[in-house]
Each structure stands twice: as C-alpha cells, then as structure tokens.
Protein backbone atom coordinates (compact mmCIF):
# COMPACT_ATOMS: atom_id res chain seq x y z
CA MET A 1 10.25 8.26 1.66
CA SER A 2 7.64 10.52 0.05
CA ARG A 3 7.20 8.22 -2.93
CA TYR A 4 6.48 5.35 -0.54
CA ARG A 5 4.01 7.49 1.35
CA VAL A 6 2.12 8.57 -1.76
CA LEU A 7 1.97 5.09 -3.22
CA ALA A 8 0.91 3.53 0.10
CA ASN A 9 -2.07 5.88 0.23
CA VAL A 10 -2.99 5.37 -3.43
CA VAL A 11 -2.78 1.57 -3.10
CA GLY A 12 -4.82 1.73 0.12
CA VAL A 13 -7.58 3.79 -1.50
CA LEU A 14 -7.66 1.56 -4.57
CA LEU A 15 -7.92 -1.54 -2.40
CA ILE A 16 -10.87 -0.05 -0.53
CA VAL A 17 -12.55 0.87 -3.83
CA LEU A 18 -11.88 -2.62 -5.15
CA ILE A 19 -13.16 -4.50 -2.10
CA PHE A 20 -16.11 -2.32 -1.12
CA ILE A 21 -17.30 -0.99 -4.47
CA ALA A 22 -15.96 -2.91 -7.49
CA VAL A 23 -16.41 -6.45 -6.17
CA PRO A 24 -19.99 -5.92 -4.89
CA VAL A 25 -20.95 -4.17 -8.13
CA LYS A 26 -19.52 -7.11 -10.08
CA TYR A 27 -21.07 -9.93 -8.07
CA ILE A 28 -24.26 -8.35 -6.74
CA GLY A 29 -25.00 -5.91 -9.54
CA GLY A 30 -23.71 -8.10 -12.35
CA GLU A 31 -21.64 -5.26 -13.83
CA PRO A 32 -17.94 -6.20 -14.11
CA ILE A 33 -16.69 -2.95 -15.71
CA VAL A 34 -15.59 -1.25 -12.46
CA SER A 35 -13.72 -4.34 -11.30
CA SER A 36 -12.10 -4.82 -14.70
CA ILE A 37 -10.63 -1.32 -14.43
CA VAL A 38 -9.76 -1.08 -10.73
CA SER A 39 -8.30 -4.58 -10.34
CA PRO A 40 -5.43 -4.27 -12.84
CA VAL A 41 -4.65 -0.71 -11.78
CA HIS A 42 -4.40 -1.79 -8.14
CA GLY A 43 -2.29 -4.80 -9.16
CA VAL A 44 0.24 -2.76 -11.12
CA LEU A 45 0.47 -0.03 -8.51
CA TYR A 46 0.84 -2.64 -5.77
CA MET A 47 3.87 -4.07 -7.57
CA VAL A 48 5.39 -0.58 -7.81
CA TYR A 49 4.53 -0.06 -4.13
CA LEU A 50 6.42 -3.26 -3.27
CA VAL A 51 9.52 -1.95 -5.04
CA PHE A 52 9.35 1.34 -3.12
CA ALA A 53 8.64 -0.47 0.16
CA PHE A 54 11.61 -2.77 -0.36
CA ASP A 55 13.85 0.18 -1.20
CA LEU A 56 12.83 2.00 1.99
CA TYR A 57 13.22 -1.20 4.04
CA ARG A 58 16.70 -1.80 2.63
CA ARG A 59 17.87 1.78 3.15
CA ALA A 60 16.57 1.91 6.71
CA GLY A 61 17.97 -1.49 7.67
CA TRP A 62 14.78 -2.57 9.36
CA PRO A 63 13.97 -6.15 10.44
CA VAL A 64 12.09 -8.47 8.10
CA SER A 65 8.94 -8.12 10.22
CA ARG A 66 8.70 -4.47 9.15
CA MET A 67 8.85 -5.49 5.49
CA VAL A 68 6.15 -8.10 6.09
CA SER A 69 3.87 -5.44 7.58
CA MET A 70 4.57 -3.18 4.62
CA VAL A 71 3.67 -5.98 2.19
CA ALA A 72 0.47 -6.78 4.10
CA ALA A 73 -0.54 -3.12 4.00
CA GLY A 74 -1.43 -3.42 0.32
CA LEU A 75 -3.47 -6.56 0.84
CA VAL A 76 -5.65 -5.76 3.87
CA PRO A 77 -8.18 -2.91 3.57
CA PHE A 78 -7.40 0.14 5.75
CA LEU A 79 -4.10 -1.34 6.96
CA ALA A 80 -2.10 0.73 4.45
CA PHE A 81 -2.96 3.95 6.25
CA PHE A 82 -1.85 2.71 9.67
CA VAL A 83 1.34 1.08 8.42
CA GLU A 84 2.21 4.11 6.29
CA ARG A 85 1.95 6.44 9.29
CA ARG A 86 4.09 4.19 11.47
CA VAL A 87 6.72 3.53 8.79
CA VAL A 88 7.06 7.18 7.78
CA ALA A 89 7.28 8.32 11.41
CA GLU A 90 9.98 5.76 12.14
CA ALA A 91 11.89 6.62 8.96
CA ARG A 92 11.79 10.33 9.81
CA ALA A 93 12.97 9.67 13.36
CA GLN A 94 15.79 7.50 12.07
CA GLN A 95 16.72 10.15 9.50
CA GLN A 96 16.79 12.91 12.12
CA ALA A 97 18.88 10.79 14.48
CA SER A 98 21.48 10.18 11.79
CA THR A 99 21.91 13.90 10.97
C-alpha cells in the first residue's frame, strides 16, 4: 500500500509539472528541454504506478470502477491526490477489518 501511495504522489506531481510548466515552456517559450525530460520520466513512472495500482486492486478485491479511477488519477492533474487519499483510506479500513 505504501508503494502505491508514494508512486501516486510522485506521478501526480510530475503530471502537474508536465502540464503547467513543461508544456507551456515548450510551446510558449520555445524551449523543449524541460518537456523532453519530464515527459518520459512521467511516462515510465506512470507505467510502474499502473502495476502497483493493479496489484493493490487485485489484493483488495475492489470493483473495476475503483481501478478505473486509479488509472485516471495519473492522467488528470490533481486527481492523483484525491484518489490516493480515498484508496489508501479504504485499503487501511479493509485491512483493519480483516485483522
């Protein structure tokens, strides 16, 4: 659960940097260097995030809609932070109920 939480926050921050800093600097400022660094890093970490999200989804036995929200969290700016909080809280509650 903690690896999901860390990666959700990292992917969320990188997405915000990509959308609100790297893309404007590339298209408005004409300097593609920031985007050429942040874009692939976000892409690779997003794929790792998907693996961790799927693992948590599978272990918890959640409905597919929860997995869809977890996938969307890495694609929509700021959504990662809200989804991460909700998913971790639900996972902890489920974990405490089972012990």
